[in-house]
Amino acid sequence: MFRLWGKIVKGNRLLQDMEICNEDLSLTRTKKIFAALDELCYAFDLSKPIWLDVTVSEFKRHNKTRFTQDNFVETIGFDYLEIQVIEED
């Protein structure tokens, strides 16, 4: 099973969070991550963030990254969207 946790934070307060589970064994890890991020953005009513080089390298190192205003085209009303892989087979 693949599980990804997404949360929206503003001023050190958790505004929203959601856990996405994916049991599709035919998908690669990257496709599972993108699918989970799409599902989070739909649920939180956000545009899809842009993966910058720093975002990618942070995610590769820690299985966790933050999307700030720099990652979004539109203005956001929070400090960051954080995603973290919490379980994978």
PDB file of N, CA and C in Angstrom:
ATOM      1  N   MET A   1       0.841  -1.179   0.000  1.00  0.00           N
ATOM      2  CA  MET A   1       0.000   0.000   0.000  1.00  0.00           C
ATOM      3  C   MET A   1       0.886   1.242   0.000  1.00  0.00           C
ATOM      4  N   PHE A   2       0.432   2.244  -0.705  1.00  0.00           N
ATOM      5  CA  PHE A   2       1.115   3.534  -0.764  1.00  0.00           C
ATOM      6  C   PHE A   2       0.224   4.564  -0.087  1.00  0.00           C
ATOM      7  N   ARG A   3       0.783   5.300   0.878  1.00  0.00           N
ATOM      8  CA  ARG A   3       0.017   6.345   1.573  1.00  0.00           C
ATOM      9  C   ARG A   3       0.810   7.638   1.555  1.00  0.00           C
ATOM     10  N   LEU A   4       0.112   8.728   1.250  1.00  0.00           N
ATOM     11  CA  LEU A   4       0.721  10.048   1.224  1.00  0.00           C
ATOM     12  C   LEU A   4      -0.154  10.973   2.062  1.00  0.00           C
ATOM     13  N   TRP A   5       0.503  11.767   2.894  1.00  0.00           N
ATOM     14  CA  TRP A   5      -0.208  12.710   3.759  1.00  0.00           C
ATOM     15  C   TRP A   5       0.028  14.111   3.230  1.00  0.00           C
ATOM     16  N   GLY A   6      -1.043  14.854   3.054  1.00  0.00           N
ATOM     17  CA  GLY A   6      -0.948  16.241   2.624  1.00  0.00           C
ATOM     18  C   GLY A   6      -1.585  17.147   3.650  1.00  0.00           C
ATOM     19  N   LYS A   7      -0.946  18.298   3.868  1.00  0.00           N
ATOM     20  CA  LYS A   7      -1.511  19.233   4.847  1.00  0.00           C
ATOM     21  C   LYS A   7      -1.258  20.669   4.423  1.00  0.00           C
ATOM     22  N   ILE A   8      -2.197  21.530   4.763  1.00  0.00           N
ATOM     23  CA  ILE A   8      -2.085  22.967   4.514  1.00  0.00           C
ATOM     24  C   ILE A   8      -1.850  23.653   5.851  1.00  0.00           C
ATOM     25  N   VAL A   9      -0.805  24.481   5.891  1.00  0.00           N
ATOM     26  CA  VAL A   9      -0.404  25.137   7.139  1.00  0.00           C
ATOM     27  C   VAL A   9      -0.329  26.650   6.936  1.00  0.00           C
ATOM     28  N   LYS A  10      -0.834  27.376   7.911  1.00  0.00           N
ATOM     29  CA  LYS A  10      -0.718  28.833   7.925  1.00  0.00           C
ATOM     30  C   LYS A  10      -0.406  29.272   9.343  1.00  0.00           C
ATOM     31  N   GLY A  11       0.686  29.996   9.512  1.00  0.00           N
ATOM     32  CA  GLY A  11       1.060  30.510  10.828  1.00  0.00           C
ATOM     33  C   GLY A  11       1.248  29.404  11.859  1.00  0.00           C
ATOM     34  N   ASN A  12       1.899  28.327  11.494  1.00  0.00           N
ATOM     35  CA  ASN A  12       2.148  27.168  12.367  1.00  0.00           C
ATOM     36  C   ASN A  12       0.872  26.488  12.843  1.00  0.00           C
ATOM     37  N   ARG A  13      -0.223  26.685  12.118  1.00  0.00           N
ATOM     38  CA  ARG A  13      -1.489  26.018  12.438  1.00  0.00           C
ATOM     39  C   ARG A  13      -1.914  25.163  11.251  1.00  0.00           C
ATOM     40  N   LEU A  14      -2.322  23.971  11.558  1.00  0.00           N
ATOM     41  CA  LEU A  14      -2.806  23.057  10.535  1.00  0.00           C
ATOM     42  C   LEU A  14      -4.230  23.451  10.157  1.00  0.00           C
ATOM     43  N   LEU A  15      -4.431  23.852   8.897  1.00  0.00           N
ATOM     44  CA  LEU A  15      -5.758  24.256   8.443  1.00  0.00           C
ATOM     45  C   LEU A  15      -6.542  23.064   7.892  1.00  0.00           C
ATOM     46  N   GLN A  16      -5.881  22.246   7.084  1.00  0.00           N
ATOM     47  CA  GLN A  16      -6.518  21.080   6.487  1.00  0.00           C
ATOM     48  C   GLN A  16      -5.476  19.986   6.328  1.00  0.00           C
ATOM     49  N   ASP A  17      -5.913  18.749   6.413  1.00  0.00           N
ATOM     50  CA  ASP A  17      -5.026  17.644   6.084  1.00  0.00           C
ATOM     51  C   ASP A  17      -5.845  16.498   5.524  1.00  0.00           C
ATOM     52  N   MET A  18      -5.151  15.631   4.816  1.00  0.00           N
ATOM     53  CA  MET A  18      -5.821  14.519   4.162  1.00  0.00           C
ATOM     54  C   MET A  18      -4.786  13.437   3.872  1.00  0.00           C
ATOM     55  N   GLU A  19      -5.210  12.205   3.981  1.00  0.00           N
ATOM     56  CA  GLU A  19      -4.353  11.073   3.663  1.00  0.00           C
ATOM     57  C   GLU A  19      -4.889  10.401   2.406  1.00  0.00           C
ATOM     58  N   ILE A  20      -4.002  10.143   1.465  1.00  0.00           N
ATOM     59  CA  ILE A  20      -4.360   9.491   0.214  1.00  0.00           C
ATOM     60  C   ILE A  20      -3.748   8.094   0.215  1.00  0.00           C
ATOM     61  N   CYS A  21      -4.565   7.087  -0.057  1.00  0.00           N
ATOM     62  CA  CYS A  21      -4.090   5.704  -0.146  1.00  0.00           C
ATOM     63  C   CYS A  21      -4.227   5.232  -1.586  1.00  0.00           C
ATOM     64  N   ASN A  22      -3.228   4.482  -2.040  1.00  0.00           N
ATOM     65  CA  ASN A  22      -3.257   3.934  -3.393  1.00  0.00           C
ATOM     66  C   ASN A  22      -2.749   2.505  -3.334  1.00  0.00           C
ATOM     67  N   GLU A  23      -3.578   1.575  -3.766  1.00  0.00           N
ATOM     68  CA  GLU A  23      -3.202   0.166  -3.742  1.00  0.00           C
ATOM     69  C   GLU A  23      -2.972  -0.396  -5.136  1.00  0.00           C
ATOM     70  N   ASP A  24      -2.921   0.468  -6.146  1.00  0.00           N
ATOM     71  CA  ASP A  24      -2.716   0.037  -7.526  1.00  0.00           C
ATOM     72  C   ASP A  24      -1.247  -0.348  -7.733  1.00  0.00           C
ATOM     73  N   LEU A  25      -0.985  -1.620  -7.853  1.00  0.00           N
ATOM     74  CA  LEU A  25       0.392  -2.114  -7.987  1.00  0.00           C
ATOM     75  C   LEU A  25       0.969  -1.882  -9.380  1.00  0.00           C
ATOM     76  N   SER A  26       0.123  -1.562 -10.353  1.00  0.00           N
ATOM     77  CA  SER A  26       0.615  -1.364 -11.713  1.00  0.00           C
ATOM     78  C   SER A  26       1.264   0.009 -11.906  1.00  0.00           C
ATOM     79  N   LEU A  27       0.991   0.955 -11.009  1.00  0.00           N
ATOM     80  CA  LEU A  27       1.560   2.298 -11.124  1.00  0.00           C
ATOM     81  C   LEU A  27       2.958   2.373 -10.532  1.00  0.00           C
ATOM     82  N   THR A  28       3.795   3.193 -11.120  1.00  0.00           N
ATOM     83  CA  THR A  28       5.124   3.441 -10.556  1.00  0.00           C
ATOM     84  C   THR A  28       4.989   4.378  -9.362  1.00  0.00           C
ATOM     85  N   ARG A  29       6.051   4.491  -8.595  1.00  0.00           N
ATOM     86  CA  ARG A  29       6.034   5.370  -7.414  1.00  0.00           C
ATOM     87  C   ARG A  29       5.761   6.813  -7.828  1.00  0.00           C
ATOM     88  N   THR A  30       6.393   7.261  -8.892  1.00  0.00           N
ATOM     89  CA  THR A  30       6.218   8.631  -9.365  1.00  0.00           C
ATOM     90  C   THR A  30       4.770   8.890  -9.759  1.00  0.00           C
ATOM     91  N   LYS A  31       4.158   7.953 -10.463  1.00  0.00           N
ATOM     92  CA  LYS A  31       2.760   8.122 -10.871  1.00  0.00           C
ATOM     93  C   LYS A  31       1.827   8.131  -9.665  1.00  0.00           C
ATOM     94  N   LYS A  32       2.157   7.343  -8.651  1.00  0.00           N
ATOM     95  CA  LYS A  32       1.350   7.348  -7.425  1.00  0.00           C
ATOM     96  C   LYS A  32       1.446   8.700  -6.722  1.00  0.00           C
ATOM     97  N   ILE A  33       2.641   9.272  -6.699  1.00  0.00           N
ATOM     98  CA  ILE A  33       2.844  10.579  -6.056  1.00  0.00           C
ATOM     99  C   ILE A  33       2.062  11.658  -6.794  1.00  0.00           C
ATOM    100  N   PHE A  34       2.177  11.677  -8.127  1.00  0.00           N
ATOM    101  CA  PHE A  34       1.459  12.683  -8.912  1.00  0.00           C
ATOM    102  C   PHE A  34      -0.053  12.508  -8.803  1.00  0.00           C
ATOM    103  N   ALA A  35      -0.524  11.267  -8.806  1.00  0.00           N
ATOM    104  CA  ALA A  35      -1.959  11.012  -8.665  1.00  0.00           C
ATOM    105  C   ALA A  35      -2.465  11.468  -7.302  1.00  0.00           C
ATOM    106  N   ALA A  36      -1.683  11.198  -6.256  1.00  0.00           N
ATOM    107  CA  ALA A  36      -2.074  11.620  -4.906  1.00  0.00           C
ATOM    108  C   ALA A  36      -2.073  13.143  -4.794  1.00  0.00           C
ATOM    109  N   LEU A  37      -1.083  13.790  -5.394  1.00  0.00           N
ATOM    110  CA  LEU A  37      -1.028  15.256  -5.357  1.00  0.00           C
ATOM    111  C   LEU A  37      -2.208  15.849  -6.121  1.00  0.00           C
ATOM    112  N   ASP A  38      -2.577  15.255  -7.242  1.00  0.00           N
ATOM    113  CA  ASP A  38      -3.752  15.721  -7.988  1.00  0.00           C
ATOM    114  C   ASP A  38      -5.017  15.595  -7.138  1.00  0.00           C
ATOM    115  N   GLU A  39      -5.136  14.473  -6.438  1.00  0.00           N
ATOM    116  CA  GLU A  39      -6.306  14.245  -5.586  1.00  0.00           C
ATOM    117  C   GLU A  39      -6.353  15.239  -4.427  1.00  0.00           C
ATOM    118  N   LEU A  40      -5.193  15.525  -3.836  1.00  0.00           N
ATOM    119  CA  LEU A  40      -5.123  16.521  -2.755  1.00  0.00           C
ATOM    120  C   LEU A  40      -5.545  17.901  -3.254  1.00  0.00           C
ATOM    121  N   CYS A  41      -4.993  18.298  -4.390  1.00  0.00           N
ATOM    122  CA  CYS A  41      -5.303  19.620  -4.931  1.00  0.00           C
ATOM    123  C   CYS A  41      -6.786  19.741  -5.268  1.00  0.00           C
ATOM    124  N   TYR A  42      -7.377  18.670  -5.775  1.00  0.00           N
ATOM    125  CA  TYR A  42      -8.811  18.691  -6.061  1.00  0.00           C
ATOM    126  C   TYR A  42      -9.612  18.829  -4.770  1.00  0.00           C
ATOM    127  N   ALA A  43      -9.244  18.052  -3.753  1.00  0.00           N
ATOM    128  CA  ALA A  43      -9.966  18.090  -2.473  1.00  0.00           C
ATOM    129  C   ALA A  43      -9.807  19.436  -1.763  1.00  0.00           C
ATOM    130  N   PHE A  44      -8.617  20.039  -1.859  1.00  0.00           N
ATOM    131  CA  PHE A  44      -8.358  21.319  -1.204  1.00  0.00           C
ATOM    132  C   PHE A  44      -8.722  22.512  -2.091  1.00  0.00           C
ATOM    133  N   ASP A  45      -9.199  22.247  -3.313  1.00  0.00           N
ATOM    134  CA  ASP A  45      -9.553  23.284  -4.283  1.00  0.00           C
ATOM    135  C   ASP A  45      -8.369  24.203  -4.585  1.00  0.00           C
ATOM    136  N   LEU A  46      -7.255  23.583  -4.963  1.00  0.00           N
ATOM    137  CA  LEU A  46      -6.019  24.301  -5.289  1.00  0.00           C
ATOM    138  C   LEU A  46      -5.615  24.017  -6.728  1.00  0.00           C
ATOM    139  N   SER A  47      -4.864  24.946  -7.300  1.00  0.00           N
ATOM    140  CA  SER A  47      -4.230  24.648  -8.579  1.00  0.00           C
ATOM    141  C   SER A  47      -3.043  23.735  -8.304  1.00  0.00           C
ATOM    142  N   LYS A  48      -2.600  23.022  -9.313  1.00  0.00           N
ATOM    143  CA  LYS A  48      -1.471  22.105  -9.129  1.00  0.00           C
ATOM    144  C   LYS A  48      -0.186  22.908  -8.966  1.00  0.00           C
ATOM    145  N   PRO A  49       0.627  22.569  -7.971  1.00  0.00           N
ATOM    146  CA  PRO A  49       1.884  23.289  -7.776  1.00  0.00           C
ATOM    147  C   PRO A  49       2.932  22.876  -8.802  1.00  0.00           C
ATOM    148  N   ILE A  50       3.896  23.743  -8.989  1.00  0.00           N
ATOM    149  CA  ILE A  50       5.008  23.492  -9.895  1.00  0.00           C
ATOM    150  C   ILE A  50       6.145  22.877  -9.086  1.00  0.00           C
ATOM    151  N   TRP A  51       6.722  21.796  -9.615  1.00  0.00           N
ATOM    152  CA  TRP A  51       7.853  21.142  -8.951  1.00  0.00           C
ATOM    153  C   TRP A  51       9.137  21.868  -9.342  1.00  0.00           C
ATOM    154  N   LEU A  52       9.667  22.671  -8.450  1.00  0.00           N
ATOM    155  CA  LEU A  52      10.942  23.346  -8.673  1.00  0.00           C
ATOM    156  C   LEU A  52      12.080  22.388  -8.321  1.00  0.00           C
ATOM    157  N   ASP A  53      13.296  22.722  -8.761  1.00  0.00           N
ATOM    158  CA  ASP A  53      14.451  21.855  -8.492  1.00  0.00           C
ATOM    159  C   ASP A  53      14.652  21.620  -6.995  1.00  0.00           C
ATOM    160  N   VAL A  54      14.479  22.657  -6.200  1.00  0.00           N
ATOM    161  CA  VAL A  54      14.656  22.520  -4.753  1.00  0.00           C
ATOM    162  C   VAL A  54      13.577  21.618  -4.163  1.00  0.00           C
ATOM    163  N   THR A  55      12.375  21.691  -4.699  1.00  0.00           N
ATOM    164  CA  THR A  55      11.279  20.847  -4.229  1.00  0.00           C
ATOM    165  C   THR A  55      11.571  19.383  -4.525  1.00  0.00           C
ATOM    166  N   VAL A  56      12.040  19.115  -5.735  1.00  0.00           N
ATOM    167  CA  VAL A  56      12.364  17.744  -6.140  1.00  0.00           C
ATOM    168  C   VAL A  56      13.490  17.174  -5.298  1.00  0.00           C
ATOM    169  N   SER A  57      14.541  17.936  -5.095  1.00  0.00           N
ATOM    170  CA  SER A  57      15.690  17.428  -4.321  1.00  0.00           C
ATOM    171  C   SER A  57      15.316  17.190  -2.854  1.00  0.00           C
ATOM    172  N   GLU A  58      14.503  18.062  -2.285  1.00  0.00           N
ATOM    173  CA  GLU A  58      14.048  17.876  -0.906  1.00  0.00           C
ATOM    174  C   GLU A  58      13.189  16.612  -0.786  1.00  0.00           C
ATOM    175  N   PHE A  59      12.321  16.389  -1.778  1.00  0.00           N
ATOM    176  CA  PHE A  59      11.461  15.211  -1.748  1.00  0.00           C
ATOM    177  C   PHE A  59      12.281  13.931  -1.907  1.00  0.00           C
ATOM    178  N   LYS A  60      13.288  13.961  -2.760  1.00  0.00           N
ATOM    179  CA  LYS A  60      14.144  12.784  -2.943  1.00  0.00           C
ATOM    180  C   LYS A  60      14.900  12.432  -1.669  1.00  0.00           C
ATOM    181  N   ARG A  61      15.356  13.445  -0.949  1.00  0.00           N
ATOM    182  CA  ARG A  61      16.139  13.208   0.267  1.00  0.00           C
ATOM    183  C   ARG A  61      15.307  12.768   1.458  1.00  0.00           C
ATOM    184  N   HIS A  62      14.111  13.352   1.612  1.00  0.00           N
ATOM    185  CA  HIS A  62      13.350  13.161   2.852  1.00  0.00           C
ATOM    186  C   HIS A  62      11.970  12.524   2.685  1.00  0.00           C
ATOM    187  N   ASN A  63      11.564  12.220   1.435  1.00  0.00           N
ATOM    188  CA  ASN A  63      10.202  11.736   1.165  1.00  0.00           C
ATOM    189  C   ASN A  63       9.156  12.730   1.668  1.00  0.00           C
ATOM    190  N   LYS A  64       9.521  14.004   1.658  1.00  0.00           N
ATOM    191  CA  LYS A  64       8.669  15.058   2.196  1.00  0.00           C
ATOM    192  C   LYS A  64       9.096  16.372   1.556  1.00  0.00           C
ATOM    193  N   THR A  65       8.134  17.221   1.214  1.00  0.00           N
ATOM    194  CA  THR A  65       8.472  18.534   0.675  1.00  0.00           C
ATOM    195  C   THR A  65       7.348  19.523   0.935  1.00  0.00           C
ATOM    196  N   ARG A  66       7.680  20.794   0.794  1.00  0.00           N
ATOM    197  CA  ARG A  66       6.712  21.870   0.990  1.00  0.00           C
ATOM    198  C   ARG A  66       6.589  22.684  -0.282  1.00  0.00           C
ATOM    199  N   PHE A  67       5.347  22.986  -0.634  1.00  0.00           N
ATOM    200  CA  PHE A  67       5.057  23.854  -1.761  1.00  0.00           C
ATOM    201  C   PHE A  67       4.627  25.207  -1.204  1.00  0.00           C
ATOM    202  N   THR A  68       5.417  26.237  -1.444  1.00  0.00           N
ATOM    203  CA  THR A  68       5.119  27.592  -0.961  1.00  0.00           C
ATOM    204  C   THR A  68       4.537  28.416  -2.108  1.00  0.00           C
ATOM    205  N   GLN A  69       4.373  29.693  -1.896  1.00  0.00           N
ATOM    206  CA  GLN A  69       3.834  30.582  -2.927  1.00  0.00           C
ATOM    207  C   GLN A  69       4.646  30.504  -4.216  1.00  0.00           C
ATOM    208  N   ASP A  70       5.946  30.282  -4.131  1.00  0.00           N
ATOM    209  CA  ASP A  70       6.799  30.185  -5.318  1.00  0.00           C
ATOM    210  C   ASP A  70       6.398  29.041  -6.241  1.00  0.00           C
ATOM    211  N   ASN A  71       5.739  28.023  -5.690  1.00  0.00           N
ATOM    212  CA  ASN A  71       5.355  26.853  -6.471  1.00  0.00           C
ATOM    213  C   ASN A  71       3.980  26.983  -7.131  1.00  0.00           C
ATOM    214  N   PHE A  72       3.251  28.036  -6.810  1.00  0.00           N
ATOM    215  CA  PHE A  72       1.901  28.216  -7.335  1.00  0.00           C
ATOM    216  C   PHE A  72       1.839  29.440  -8.246  1.00  0.00           C
ATOM    217  N   VAL A  73       1.048  29.342  -9.311  1.00  0.00           N
ATOM    218  CA  VAL A  73       0.840  30.467 -10.213  1.00  0.00           C
ATOM    219  C   VAL A  73      -0.111  31.466  -9.566  1.00  0.00           C
ATOM    220  N   GLU A  74      -1.175  30.941  -8.947  1.00  0.00           N
ATOM    221  CA  GLU A  74      -2.160  31.791  -8.285  1.00  0.00           C
ATOM    222  C   GLU A  74      -1.703  32.133  -6.866  1.00  0.00           C
ATOM    223  N   THR A  75      -2.275  33.176  -6.299  1.00  0.00           N
ATOM    224  CA  THR A  75      -1.994  33.542  -4.922  1.00  0.00           C
ATOM    225  C   THR A  75      -2.672  32.534  -3.992  1.00  0.00           C
ATOM    226  N   ILE A  76      -1.946  32.105  -2.961  1.00  0.00           N
ATOM    227  CA  ILE A  76      -2.495  31.147  -2.006  1.00  0.00           C
ATOM    228  C   ILE A  76      -2.758  31.845  -0.678  1.00  0.00           C
ATOM    229  N   GLY A  77      -3.699  31.332   0.085  1.00  0.00           N
ATOM    230  CA  GLY A  77      -4.070  31.943   1.361  1.00  0.00           C
ATOM    231  C   GLY A  77      -3.508  31.198   2.553  1.00  0.00           C
ATOM    232  N   PHE A  78      -2.367  30.569   2.378  1.00  0.00           N
ATOM    233  CA  PHE A  78      -1.717  29.813   3.451  1.00  0.00           C
ATOM    234  C   PHE A  78      -0.213  29.890   3.247  1.00  0.00           C
ATOM    235  N   ASP A  79       0.544  29.389   4.218  1.00  0.00           N
ATOM    236  CA  ASP A  79       2.002  29.455   4.127  1.00  0.00           C
ATOM    237  C   ASP A  79       2.584  28.376   3.211  1.00  0.00           C
ATOM    238  N   TYR A  80       2.109  27.140   3.355  1.00  0.00           N
ATOM    239  CA  TYR A  80       2.622  26.076   2.497  1.00  0.00           C
ATOM    240  C   TYR A  80       1.699  24.856   2.494  1.00  0.00           C
ATOM    241  N   LEU A  81       1.840  24.081   1.438  1.00  0.00           N
ATOM    242  CA  LEU A  81       1.225  22.766   1.306  1.00  0.00           C
ATOM    243  C   LEU A  81       2.363  21.780   1.436  1.00  0.00           C
ATOM    244  N   GLU A  82       2.252  20.871   2.398  1.00  0.00           N
ATOM    245  CA  GLU A  82       3.304  19.891   2.615  1.00  0.00           C
ATOM    246  C   GLU A  82       2.776  18.506   2.273  1.00  0.00           C
ATOM    247  N   ILE A  83       3.599  17.726   1.553  1.00  0.00           N
ATOM    248  CA  ILE A  83       3.253  16.340   1.276  1.00  0.00           C
ATOM    249  C   ILE A  83       4.361  15.451   1.834  1.00  0.00           C
ATOM    250  N   GLN A  84       3.966  14.279   2.310  1.00  0.00           N
ATOM    251  CA  GLN A  84       4.924  13.342   2.894  1.00  0.00           C
ATOM    252  C   GLN A  84       4.457  11.914   2.624  1.00  0.00           C
ATOM    253  N   VAL A  85       5.366  11.090   2.114  1.00  0.00           N
ATOM    254  CA  VAL A  85       5.071   9.674   1.939  1.00  0.00           C
ATOM    255  C   VAL A  85       5.200   9.019   3.306  1.00  0.00           C
ATOM    256  N   ILE A  86       4.124   8.397   3.768  1.00  0.00           N
ATOM    257  CA  ILE A  86       4.158   7.797   5.104  1.00  0.00           C
ATOM    258  C   ILE A  86       4.207   6.264   5.070  1.00  0.00           C
ATOM    259  N   GLU A  87       3.920   5.697   3.901  1.00  0.00           N
ATOM    260  CA  GLU A  87       4.026   4.246   3.780  1.00  0.00           C
ATOM    261  C   GLU A  87       4.095   3.861   2.312  1.00  0.00           C
ATOM    262  N   GLU A  88       4.969   2.944   1.993  1.00  0.00           N
ATOM    263  CA  GLU A  88       5.007   2.405   0.651  1.00  0.00           C
ATOM    264  C   GLU A  88       5.556   0.982   0.692  1.00  0.00           C
ATOM    265  N   ASP A  89       5.066   0.177  -0.248  1.00  0.00           N
ATOM    266  CA  ASP A  89       5.496  -1.209  -0.303  1.00  0.00           C
ATOM    267  C   ASP A  89       6.834  -1.340  -0.984  1.00  0.00           C
TER     268      ASP A  89
END
